[in-house]
């Protein structure tokens, strides 16, 4: 096992207090990149969260589940991380009522990155009801969270949101993240 991977695993597991800063930053970026690939633009889960939220949840799951990792290489570690992200996404879909529990075939579809079948009338009706509920809850958010979230739901990037709200892109991202958190609580 590479020494830097062993250091990262010990740091994630809380065994070592030695900071693995470079590895942690790289891990965060890679997890976010993998999460972005999991969240397509037409993914219904985007109504309640974005890839950053998925990445945060996946990082927490990784910290909690690092003791389950049995591999020896970076490739195995990133495959393990990718499976955690996929599992996290499925759990979040279930939590937000967007995925019906069906057969094992659906689970294998998710892991092979194929789109879920969302053409049934009941799924479309459920999506419409959820969108109406989301829009109603959006009105309960304070400014600028409400406006930032509206713009994000219109698929505007954080730089555009930042320009319109006269804030930094990092602040825009944080504002949207806090709005999503508040919406989850209200939901």
N, C-alpha and C. Protein backbone atom coordinates (compact mmCIF):
# COMPACT_ATOMS: atom_id res chain seq x y z
N UNK A 1 0.86 -1.17 0.00
CA UNK A 1 0.00 0.00 0.00
C UNK A 1 0.90 1.23 0.00
N UNK A 2 0.60 2.21 -0.88
CA UNK A 2 1.40 3.44 -0.88
C UNK A 2 1.32 4.14 0.48
N UNK A 3 2.42 4.73 0.89
CA UNK A 3 2.48 5.37 2.20
C UNK A 3 1.46 6.50 2.33
N UNK A 4 1.27 7.29 1.25
CA UNK A 4 0.32 8.40 1.34
C UNK A 4 -1.12 7.90 1.46
N UNK A 5 -1.43 6.74 0.86
CA UNK A 5 -2.77 6.16 1.02
C UNK A 5 -2.95 5.67 2.45
N UNK A 6 -1.94 5.02 3.00
CA UNK A 6 -2.02 4.53 4.37
C UNK A 6 -2.21 5.70 5.35
N UNK A 7 -1.49 6.80 5.11
CA UNK A 7 -1.63 7.99 5.97
C UNK A 7 -3.04 8.56 5.88
N UNK A 8 -3.57 8.64 4.66
CA UNK A 8 -4.92 9.16 4.47
C UNK A 8 -5.94 8.28 5.19
N UNK A 9 -5.82 6.96 5.04
CA UNK A 9 -6.77 6.04 5.68
C UNK A 9 -6.71 6.16 7.21
N UNK A 10 -5.50 6.27 7.75
CA UNK A 10 -5.36 6.44 9.20
C UNK A 10 -5.96 7.76 9.66
N UNK A 11 -5.78 8.80 8.87
CA UNK A 11 -6.34 10.10 9.20
C UNK A 11 -7.86 10.06 9.16
N UNK A 12 -8.43 9.42 8.12
CA UNK A 12 -9.89 9.32 8.00
C UNK A 12 -10.48 8.49 9.14
N UNK A 13 -9.77 7.46 9.52
CA UNK A 13 -10.27 6.57 10.58
C UNK A 13 -10.06 7.15 11.97
N UNK A 14 -9.32 8.27 12.06
CA UNK A 14 -9.08 8.88 13.36
C UNK A 14 -7.98 8.20 14.14
N UNK A 15 -7.25 7.27 13.50
CA UNK A 15 -6.16 6.56 14.16
C UNK A 15 -4.96 7.47 14.32
N UNK A 16 -4.70 8.26 13.28
CA UNK A 16 -3.54 9.14 13.28
C UNK A 16 -3.99 10.58 13.41
N UNK A 17 -3.27 11.34 14.19
CA UNK A 17 -3.56 12.76 14.32
C UNK A 17 -2.68 13.58 13.37
N UNK A 18 -1.79 12.87 12.65
CA UNK A 18 -0.95 13.56 11.67
C UNK A 18 -1.83 14.01 10.52
N UNK A 19 -1.78 15.30 10.19
CA UNK A 19 -2.63 15.77 9.09
C UNK A 19 -2.14 15.24 7.75
N UNK A 20 -3.06 14.81 6.94
CA UNK A 20 -2.77 14.38 5.58
C UNK A 20 -3.41 15.42 4.66
N UNK A 21 -3.03 16.69 4.87
CA UNK A 21 -3.71 17.80 4.21
C UNK A 21 -3.77 17.69 2.70
N UNK A 22 -2.65 17.43 2.06
CA UNK A 22 -2.64 17.35 0.60
C UNK A 22 -3.55 16.22 0.13
N UNK A 23 -3.45 15.09 0.77
CA UNK A 23 -4.28 13.94 0.37
C UNK A 23 -5.76 14.22 0.64
N UNK A 24 -6.06 14.89 1.77
CA UNK A 24 -7.46 15.21 2.10
C UNK A 24 -8.06 16.18 1.09
N UNK A 25 -7.28 17.19 0.71
CA UNK A 25 -7.77 18.15 -0.29
C UNK A 25 -7.99 17.47 -1.63
N UNK A 26 -7.05 16.62 -2.02
CA UNK A 26 -7.20 15.89 -3.28
C UNK A 26 -8.41 14.96 -3.22
N UNK A 27 -8.59 14.29 -2.08
CA UNK A 27 -9.74 13.41 -1.91
C UNK A 27 -11.04 14.18 -2.02
N UNK A 28 -11.10 15.34 -1.34
CA UNK A 28 -12.31 16.16 -1.42
C UNK A 28 -12.63 16.54 -2.86
N UNK A 29 -11.62 16.96 -3.60
CA UNK A 29 -11.83 17.35 -5.00
C UNK A 29 -12.27 16.16 -5.86
N UNK A 30 -11.66 15.00 -5.63
CA UNK A 30 -12.03 13.82 -6.42
C UNK A 30 -13.45 13.34 -6.09
N UNK A 31 -13.80 13.38 -4.81
CA UNK A 31 -15.16 12.98 -4.41
C UNK A 31 -16.17 13.93 -5.04
N UNK A 32 -15.86 15.22 -5.04
CA UNK A 32 -16.78 16.17 -5.64
C UNK A 32 -16.91 15.93 -7.15
N UNK A 33 -15.80 15.65 -7.80
CA UNK A 33 -15.82 15.36 -9.23
C UNK A 33 -16.66 14.11 -9.52
N UNK A 34 -16.47 13.07 -8.72
CA UNK A 34 -17.26 11.84 -8.90
C UNK A 34 -18.75 12.12 -8.65
N UNK A 35 -19.03 12.96 -7.66
CA UNK A 35 -20.42 13.29 -7.35
C UNK A 35 -21.07 14.07 -8.49
N UNK A 36 -20.31 14.99 -9.09
CA UNK A 36 -20.83 15.74 -10.23
C UNK A 36 -21.22 14.82 -11.37
N UNK A 37 -20.42 13.79 -11.61
CA UNK A 37 -20.71 12.83 -12.68
C UNK A 37 -21.95 12.01 -12.36
N UNK A 38 -22.25 11.82 -11.07
CA UNK A 38 -23.44 11.07 -10.67
C UNK A 38 -24.74 11.87 -10.81
N UNK A 39 -24.64 13.20 -10.80
CA UNK A 39 -25.83 14.05 -10.83
C UNK A 39 -26.00 14.66 -12.22
N UNK A 40 -26.80 14.03 -13.06
CA UNK A 40 -27.05 14.58 -14.39
C UNK A 40 -27.92 15.83 -14.28
N UNK A 41 -27.94 16.62 -15.35
CA UNK A 41 -28.70 17.88 -15.32
C UNK A 41 -30.20 17.66 -15.17
N UNK A 42 -30.72 16.54 -15.66
CA UNK A 42 -32.16 16.29 -15.57
C UNK A 42 -32.51 15.38 -14.40
N UNK A 43 -31.59 15.18 -13.49
CA UNK A 43 -31.81 14.33 -12.32
C UNK A 43 -32.80 15.01 -11.38
N UNK A 44 -33.88 14.34 -11.05
CA UNK A 44 -34.89 14.89 -10.16
C UNK A 44 -34.36 15.21 -8.77
N UNK A 45 -33.29 14.56 -8.39
CA UNK A 45 -32.70 14.80 -7.08
C UNK A 45 -32.13 16.22 -6.98
N UNK A 46 -31.85 16.84 -8.13
CA UNK A 46 -31.32 18.21 -8.15
C UNK A 46 -32.31 19.23 -7.61
N UNK A 47 -33.59 18.85 -7.49
CA UNK A 47 -34.58 19.77 -6.94
C UNK A 47 -34.31 20.05 -5.46
N UNK A 48 -33.70 19.10 -4.78
CA UNK A 48 -33.47 19.25 -3.35
C UNK A 48 -32.01 19.30 -2.97
N UNK A 49 -31.11 19.04 -3.90
CA UNK A 49 -29.69 19.07 -3.57
C UNK A 49 -28.86 19.18 -4.83
N UNK A 50 -27.58 19.49 -4.66
CA UNK A 50 -26.68 19.52 -5.81
C UNK A 50 -25.51 18.58 -5.56
N UNK A 51 -24.59 18.55 -6.50
CA UNK A 51 -23.47 17.60 -6.39
C UNK A 51 -22.60 17.87 -5.17
N UNK A 52 -22.54 19.11 -4.73
CA UNK A 52 -21.77 19.40 -3.53
C UNK A 52 -22.37 18.74 -2.30
N UNK A 53 -23.70 18.75 -2.22
CA UNK A 53 -24.37 18.09 -1.10
C UNK A 53 -24.11 16.59 -1.14
N UNK A 54 -24.19 16.01 -2.35
CA UNK A 54 -23.90 14.59 -2.50
C UNK A 54 -22.46 14.32 -2.08
N UNK A 55 -21.54 15.18 -2.48
CA UNK A 55 -20.13 15.01 -2.12
C UNK A 55 -19.94 15.08 -0.61
N UNK A 56 -20.60 16.04 0.04
CA UNK A 56 -20.48 16.15 1.50
C UNK A 56 -21.00 14.89 2.18
N UNK A 57 -22.17 14.43 1.73
CA UNK A 57 -22.74 13.21 2.31
C UNK A 57 -21.83 12.01 2.05
N UNK A 58 -21.24 11.95 0.86
CA UNK A 58 -20.34 10.85 0.52
C UNK A 58 -19.07 10.90 1.37
N UNK A 59 -18.55 12.10 1.60
CA UNK A 59 -17.35 12.22 2.45
C UNK A 59 -17.64 11.77 3.88
N UNK A 60 -18.82 12.13 4.38
CA UNK A 60 -19.20 11.67 5.73
C UNK A 60 -19.33 10.15 5.75
N UNK A 61 -19.94 9.59 4.71
CA UNK A 61 -20.07 8.14 4.63
C UNK A 61 -18.70 7.48 4.53
N UNK A 62 -17.78 8.13 3.83
CA UNK A 62 -16.42 7.59 3.70
C UNK A 62 -15.72 7.59 5.04
N UNK A 63 -15.86 8.66 5.81
CA UNK A 63 -15.24 8.72 7.14
C UNK A 63 -15.83 7.63 8.03
N UNK A 64 -17.16 7.48 7.97
CA UNK A 64 -17.82 6.46 8.79
C UNK A 64 -17.48 5.04 8.34
N UNK A 65 -17.29 4.86 7.03
CA UNK A 65 -17.11 3.50 6.49
C UNK A 65 -15.70 3.16 6.07
N UNK A 66 -14.71 4.00 6.38
CA UNK A 66 -13.34 3.74 5.94
C UNK A 66 -12.81 2.42 6.48
N UNK A 67 -13.30 2.00 7.63
CA UNK A 67 -12.84 0.73 8.21
C UNK A 67 -13.26 -0.47 7.36
N UNK A 68 -14.22 -0.28 6.45
CA UNK A 68 -14.67 -1.37 5.57
C UNK A 68 -13.75 -1.55 4.36
N UNK A 69 -12.90 -0.57 4.08
CA UNK A 69 -12.01 -0.64 2.92
C UNK A 69 -10.95 -1.71 3.14
N UNK A 70 -10.84 -2.64 2.17
CA UNK A 70 -9.89 -3.74 2.29
C UNK A 70 -8.83 -3.74 1.19
N UNK A 71 -8.86 -2.73 0.33
CA UNK A 71 -7.93 -2.69 -0.80
C UNK A 71 -6.54 -2.24 -0.39
N UNK A 72 -5.68 -2.17 -1.40
CA UNK A 72 -4.29 -1.80 -1.16
C UNK A 72 -3.81 -0.67 -2.08
N UNK A 73 -4.61 -0.30 -3.09
CA UNK A 73 -4.14 0.69 -4.07
C UNK A 73 -5.09 1.87 -4.13
N UNK A 74 -4.59 2.96 -4.74
CA UNK A 74 -5.43 4.14 -4.93
C UNK A 74 -6.63 3.80 -5.82
N UNK A 75 -6.41 2.99 -6.84
CA UNK A 75 -7.51 2.61 -7.73
C UNK A 75 -8.63 1.91 -6.97
N UNK A 76 -8.26 1.00 -6.09
CA UNK A 76 -9.25 0.30 -5.28
C UNK A 76 -9.95 1.27 -4.32
N UNK A 77 -9.17 2.20 -3.79
CA UNK A 77 -9.76 3.17 -2.88
C UNK A 77 -10.78 4.06 -3.59
N UNK A 78 -10.46 4.50 -4.81
CA UNK A 78 -11.40 5.35 -5.54
C UNK A 78 -12.61 4.56 -6.03
N UNK A 79 -12.43 3.29 -6.34
CA UNK A 79 -13.59 2.45 -6.68
C UNK A 79 -14.49 2.29 -5.45
N UNK A 80 -13.88 2.11 -4.29
CA UNK A 80 -14.62 2.03 -3.03
C UNK A 80 -15.39 3.34 -2.79
N UNK A 81 -14.70 4.46 -3.02
CA UNK A 81 -15.33 5.78 -2.84
C UNK A 81 -16.49 5.96 -3.81
N UNK A 82 -16.30 5.55 -5.06
CA UNK A 82 -17.36 5.68 -6.07
C UNK A 82 -18.59 4.86 -5.67
N UNK A 83 -18.36 3.66 -5.14
CA UNK A 83 -19.50 2.84 -4.72
C UNK A 83 -20.23 3.48 -3.54
N UNK A 84 -19.48 4.15 -2.64
CA UNK A 84 -20.13 4.87 -1.53
C UNK A 84 -20.99 6.01 -2.05
N UNK A 85 -20.50 6.72 -3.07
CA UNK A 85 -21.27 7.82 -3.65
C UNK A 85 -22.55 7.28 -4.27
N UNK A 86 -22.44 6.18 -5.02
CA UNK A 86 -23.62 5.58 -5.64
C UNK A 86 -24.63 5.13 -4.59
N UNK A 87 -24.12 4.50 -3.53
CA UNK A 87 -25.00 4.05 -2.44
C UNK A 87 -25.66 5.25 -1.76
N UNK A 88 -24.88 6.31 -1.56
CA UNK A 88 -25.41 7.53 -0.93
C UNK A 88 -26.51 8.14 -1.79
N UNK A 89 -26.30 8.17 -3.10
CA UNK A 89 -27.29 8.74 -4.00
C UNK A 89 -28.59 7.93 -3.97
N UNK A 90 -28.47 6.62 -3.95
CA UNK A 90 -29.66 5.77 -3.88
C UNK A 90 -30.40 6.02 -2.56
N UNK A 91 -29.65 6.11 -1.45
CA UNK A 91 -30.27 6.38 -0.15
C UNK A 91 -30.97 7.74 -0.14
N UNK A 92 -30.33 8.74 -0.74
CA UNK A 92 -30.92 10.07 -0.78
C UNK A 92 -32.17 10.09 -1.65
N UNK A 93 -32.15 9.36 -2.76
CA UNK A 93 -33.35 9.26 -3.60
C UNK A 93 -34.50 8.66 -2.81
N UNK A 94 -34.21 7.60 -2.10
CA UNK A 94 -35.26 6.97 -1.29
C UNK A 94 -35.77 7.95 -0.24
N UNK A 95 -34.84 8.63 0.39
CA UNK A 95 -35.22 9.57 1.44
C UNK A 95 -36.11 10.68 0.89
N UNK A 96 -35.81 11.13 -0.30
CA UNK A 96 -36.59 12.21 -0.89
C UNK A 96 -37.75 11.71 -1.74
N UNK A 97 -38.03 10.42 -1.67
CA UNK A 97 -39.21 9.87 -2.34
C UNK A 97 -39.13 9.89 -3.86
N UNK A 98 -37.95 9.80 -4.42
CA UNK A 98 -37.81 9.87 -5.87
C UNK A 98 -37.49 8.52 -6.49
N UNK A 99 -37.30 7.50 -5.67
CA UNK A 99 -36.94 6.22 -6.25
C UNK A 99 -37.81 5.14 -5.66
N UNK A 100 -38.49 4.42 -6.51
CA UNK A 100 -39.31 3.31 -6.03
C UNK A 100 -38.40 2.11 -5.79
N UNK A 101 -38.71 1.39 -4.75
CA UNK A 101 -37.95 0.19 -4.47
C UNK A 101 -38.48 -0.92 -5.37
N UNK A 102 -37.66 -1.28 -6.31
CA UNK A 102 -38.07 -2.33 -7.24
C UNK A 102 -37.08 -3.47 -7.16
N UNK A 103 -36.61 -3.89 -8.28
CA UNK A 103 -35.77 -5.07 -8.34
C UNK A 103 -34.29 -4.73 -8.25
N UNK A 104 -33.50 -5.77 -8.21
CA UNK A 104 -32.05 -5.61 -8.20
C UNK A 104 -31.57 -4.98 -9.50
N UNK A 105 -32.33 -5.11 -10.55
CA UNK A 105 -31.94 -4.54 -11.85
C UNK A 105 -31.80 -3.03 -11.75
N UNK A 106 -32.66 -2.38 -11.00
CA UNK A 106 -32.58 -0.93 -10.87
C UNK A 106 -31.29 -0.54 -10.16
N UNK A 107 -30.91 -1.29 -9.13
CA UNK A 107 -29.67 -1.00 -8.43
C UNK A 107 -28.47 -1.16 -9.36
N UNK A 108 -28.49 -2.18 -10.20
CA UNK A 108 -27.38 -2.36 -11.12
C UNK A 108 -27.39 -1.29 -12.19
N UNK A 109 -28.58 -0.79 -12.55
CA UNK A 109 -28.64 0.33 -13.49
C UNK A 109 -27.94 1.54 -12.93
N UNK A 110 -28.18 1.85 -11.64
CA UNK A 110 -27.56 3.01 -11.02
C UNK A 110 -26.05 2.86 -11.01
N UNK A 111 -25.57 1.68 -10.68
CA UNK A 111 -24.13 1.52 -10.57
C UNK A 111 -23.45 1.52 -11.92
N UNK A 112 -24.19 1.28 -13.00
CA UNK A 112 -23.57 1.35 -14.32
C UNK A 112 -23.81 2.72 -14.95
N UNK A 113 -24.28 3.69 -14.11
CA UNK A 113 -24.47 5.08 -14.53
C UNK A 113 -25.50 5.25 -15.64
N UNK A 114 -26.47 4.36 -15.72
CA UNK A 114 -27.54 4.52 -16.70
C UNK A 114 -28.66 5.31 -16.06
N UNK A 115 -29.39 6.06 -16.87
CA UNK A 115 -30.48 6.89 -16.35
C UNK A 115 -31.62 6.00 -15.85
N UNK A 116 -32.26 6.46 -14.78
CA UNK A 116 -33.42 5.74 -14.26
C UNK A 116 -34.63 6.03 -15.12
N UNK A 117 -35.52 5.07 -15.21
CA UNK A 117 -36.74 5.25 -15.99
C UNK A 117 -37.70 6.12 -15.20
N UNK A 118 -37.99 7.32 -15.70
CA UNK A 118 -38.89 8.23 -14.99
C UNK A 118 -40.08 8.61 -15.85
N UNK A 119 -40.44 7.76 -16.80
CA UNK A 119 -41.51 8.10 -17.74
C UNK A 119 -42.90 7.71 -17.27
N UNK A 120 -43.04 7.00 -16.17
CA UNK A 120 -44.36 6.56 -15.75
C UNK A 120 -45.19 7.75 -15.28
N UNK A 121 -46.50 7.72 -15.50
CA UNK A 121 -47.36 8.83 -15.09
C UNK A 121 -47.30 9.12 -13.59
N UNK A 122 -47.21 8.08 -12.77
CA UNK A 122 -47.17 8.31 -11.32
C UNK A 122 -45.89 9.03 -10.91
N UNK A 123 -44.78 8.69 -11.55
CA UNK A 123 -43.52 9.37 -11.24
C UNK A 123 -43.58 10.82 -11.69
N UNK A 124 -44.14 11.06 -12.88
CA UNK A 124 -44.26 12.43 -13.38
C UNK A 124 -45.18 13.26 -12.48
N UNK A 125 -46.30 12.67 -12.05
CA UNK A 125 -47.23 13.38 -11.16
C UNK A 125 -46.56 13.68 -9.82
N UNK A 126 -45.84 12.69 -9.31
CA UNK A 126 -45.14 12.88 -8.04
C UNK A 126 -44.10 14.00 -8.16
N UNK A 127 -43.40 14.02 -9.28
CA UNK A 127 -42.40 15.07 -9.51
C UNK A 127 -43.04 16.44 -9.56
N UNK A 128 -44.21 16.53 -10.19
CA UNK A 128 -44.90 17.82 -10.29
C UNK A 128 -45.36 18.29 -8.90
N UNK A 129 -45.89 17.35 -8.10
CA UNK A 129 -46.32 17.70 -6.74
C UNK A 129 -45.13 18.14 -5.89
N UNK A 130 -44.02 17.41 -6.03
CA UNK A 130 -42.82 17.78 -5.27
C UNK A 130 -42.32 19.15 -5.68
N UNK A 131 -42.37 19.45 -6.97
CA UNK A 131 -41.91 20.77 -7.45
C UNK A 131 -42.80 21.88 -6.87
N UNK A 132 -44.12 21.65 -6.85
CA UNK A 132 -45.03 22.64 -6.29
C UNK A 132 -44.75 22.85 -4.80
N UNK A 133 -44.50 21.76 -4.10
CA UNK A 133 -44.19 21.85 -2.67
C UNK A 133 -42.88 22.61 -2.47
N UNK A 134 -41.89 22.31 -3.32
CA UNK A 134 -40.60 23.00 -3.23
C UNK A 134 -40.77 24.50 -3.46
N UNK A 135 -41.55 24.88 -4.46
CA UNK A 135 -41.76 26.30 -4.75
C UNK A 135 -42.45 27.01 -3.60
N UNK A 136 -43.39 26.30 -2.95
CA UNK A 136 -44.07 26.89 -1.79
C UNK A 136 -43.10 27.07 -0.62
N UNK A 137 -42.26 26.06 -0.39
CA UNK A 137 -41.29 26.15 0.70
C UNK A 137 -40.21 27.20 0.42
N UNK A 138 -39.93 27.38 -0.84
CA UNK A 138 -38.94 28.38 -1.25
C UNK A 138 -39.33 29.77 -0.76
N UNK A 139 -40.63 30.05 -0.73
CA UNK A 139 -41.12 31.35 -0.28
C UNK A 139 -40.86 31.58 1.21
N UNK A 140 -40.63 30.51 1.96
CA UNK A 140 -40.38 30.64 3.39
C UNK A 140 -38.93 30.97 3.70
N UNK A 141 -38.05 30.87 2.71
CA UNK A 141 -36.64 31.15 2.94
C UNK A 141 -36.40 32.66 3.02
N UNK A 142 -35.45 33.07 3.86
CA UNK A 142 -35.10 34.49 3.91
C UNK A 142 -34.24 34.87 2.69
N UNK A 143 -34.25 36.15 2.37
CA UNK A 143 -33.33 36.63 1.32
C UNK A 143 -31.93 36.63 1.90
N UNK A 144 -30.86 36.47 1.21
CA UNK A 144 -30.76 36.20 -0.22
C UNK A 144 -30.83 34.71 -0.56
N UNK A 145 -31.06 33.86 0.48
CA UNK A 145 -31.12 32.42 0.22
C UNK A 145 -32.20 32.08 -0.80
N UNK A 146 -33.37 32.72 -0.67
CA UNK A 146 -34.48 32.45 -1.59
C UNK A 146 -34.08 32.76 -3.03
N UNK A 147 -33.53 33.94 -3.24
CA UNK A 147 -33.17 34.35 -4.60
C UNK A 147 -32.03 33.50 -5.15
N UNK A 148 -31.05 33.19 -4.32
CA UNK A 148 -29.93 32.35 -4.76
C UNK A 148 -30.43 30.97 -5.16
N UNK A 149 -31.36 30.42 -4.37
CA UNK A 149 -31.90 29.09 -4.67
C UNK A 149 -32.74 29.12 -5.94
N UNK A 150 -33.52 30.18 -6.13
CA UNK A 150 -34.30 30.30 -7.37
C UNK A 150 -33.39 30.28 -8.60
N UNK A 151 -32.31 31.05 -8.51
CA UNK A 151 -31.37 31.10 -9.64
C UNK A 151 -30.71 29.74 -9.86
N UNK A 152 -30.38 29.05 -8.77
CA UNK A 152 -29.74 27.74 -8.90
C UNK A 152 -30.70 26.74 -9.53
N UNK A 153 -31.98 26.83 -9.16
CA UNK A 153 -33.00 25.95 -9.77
C UNK A 153 -33.18 26.23 -11.25
N UNK A 154 -32.79 27.42 -11.67
CA UNK A 154 -32.84 27.77 -13.10
C UNK A 154 -31.54 27.36 -13.79
N UNK A 155 -30.71 26.58 -13.07
CA UNK A 155 -29.45 26.04 -13.59
C UNK A 155 -28.39 27.11 -13.84
N UNK A 156 -28.50 28.24 -13.15
CA UNK A 156 -27.44 29.25 -13.27
C UNK A 156 -26.24 28.78 -12.46
N UNK A 157 -25.04 29.06 -12.97
CA UNK A 157 -23.84 28.67 -12.24
C UNK A 157 -23.58 29.65 -11.10
N UNK A 158 -22.68 29.26 -10.22
CA UNK A 158 -22.43 30.06 -9.02
C UNK A 158 -21.81 31.42 -9.34
N UNK A 159 -21.04 31.49 -10.41
CA UNK A 159 -20.45 32.77 -10.78
C UNK A 159 -21.54 33.77 -11.18
N UNK A 160 -22.53 33.30 -11.94
CA UNK A 160 -23.64 34.16 -12.35
C UNK A 160 -24.47 34.59 -11.15
N UNK A 161 -24.74 33.64 -10.27
CA UNK A 161 -25.50 33.95 -9.05
C UNK A 161 -24.74 35.00 -8.23
N UNK A 162 -23.44 34.80 -8.11
CA UNK A 162 -22.61 35.74 -7.34
C UNK A 162 -22.67 37.14 -7.94
N UNK A 163 -22.58 37.22 -9.27
CA UNK A 163 -22.65 38.54 -9.93
C UNK A 163 -23.99 39.21 -9.66
N UNK A 164 -25.07 38.46 -9.79
CA UNK A 164 -26.40 39.05 -9.62
C UNK A 164 -26.68 39.46 -8.17
N UNK A 165 -26.14 38.71 -7.22
CA UNK A 165 -26.38 39.01 -5.81
C UNK A 165 -25.24 39.83 -5.19
N UNK A 166 -24.27 40.21 -6.03
CA UNK A 166 -23.13 41.02 -5.59
C UNK A 166 -22.41 40.39 -4.41
N UNK A 167 -21.95 39.16 -4.63
CA UNK A 167 -21.18 38.44 -3.62
C UNK A 167 -20.13 37.60 -4.34
N UNK A 168 -19.25 36.99 -3.59
CA UNK A 168 -18.22 36.14 -4.19
C UNK A 168 -18.85 34.80 -4.60
N UNK A 169 -18.25 34.11 -5.58
CA UNK A 169 -18.76 32.79 -5.96
C UNK A 169 -18.78 31.80 -4.78
N UNK A 170 -17.78 31.88 -3.91
CA UNK A 170 -17.75 30.99 -2.74
C UNK A 170 -18.92 31.30 -1.81
N UNK A 171 -19.24 32.58 -1.64
CA UNK A 171 -20.36 32.97 -0.80
C UNK A 171 -21.68 32.55 -1.44
N UNK A 172 -21.76 32.65 -2.76
CA UNK A 172 -22.97 32.21 -3.47
C UNK A 172 -23.18 30.70 -3.27
N UNK A 173 -22.11 29.95 -3.39
CA UNK A 173 -22.17 28.49 -3.20
C UNK A 173 -22.63 28.17 -1.78
N UNK A 174 -22.08 28.88 -0.80
CA UNK A 174 -22.44 28.65 0.59
C UNK A 174 -23.90 29.05 0.86
N UNK A 175 -24.35 30.13 0.25
CA UNK A 175 -25.73 30.59 0.41
C UNK A 175 -26.70 29.54 -0.14
N UNK A 176 -26.38 29.00 -1.31
CA UNK A 176 -27.24 27.96 -1.91
C UNK A 176 -27.22 26.71 -1.04
N UNK A 177 -26.04 26.34 -0.55
CA UNK A 177 -25.94 25.16 0.30
C UNK A 177 -26.78 25.32 1.57
N UNK A 178 -26.74 26.51 2.17
CA UNK A 178 -27.56 26.76 3.36
C UNK A 178 -29.05 26.77 3.03
N UNK A 179 -29.39 27.27 1.86
CA UNK A 179 -30.80 27.26 1.43
C UNK A 179 -31.28 25.83 1.26
N UNK A 180 -30.44 24.99 0.68
CA UNK A 180 -30.80 23.58 0.48
C UNK A 180 -31.00 22.91 1.84
N UNK A 181 -30.10 23.20 2.77
CA UNK A 181 -30.21 22.63 4.12
C UNK A 181 -31.53 23.06 4.77
N UNK A 182 -31.88 24.34 4.63
CA UNK A 182 -33.14 24.84 5.21
C UNK A 182 -34.34 24.18 4.53
N UNK A 183 -34.26 24.01 3.20
CA UNK A 183 -35.36 23.37 2.49
C UNK A 183 -35.54 21.93 2.94
N UNK A 184 -34.43 21.25 3.17
CA UNK A 184 -34.52 19.86 3.67
C UNK A 184 -35.25 19.81 5.00
N UNK A 185 -34.90 20.75 5.89
CA UNK A 185 -35.54 20.79 7.20
C UNK A 185 -37.02 21.11 7.08
N UNK A 186 -37.38 22.04 6.20
CA UNK A 186 -38.77 22.40 6.00
C UNK A 186 -39.57 21.27 5.34
N UNK A 187 -38.91 20.52 4.46
CA UNK A 187 -39.56 19.44 3.71
C UNK A 187 -40.10 18.40 4.67
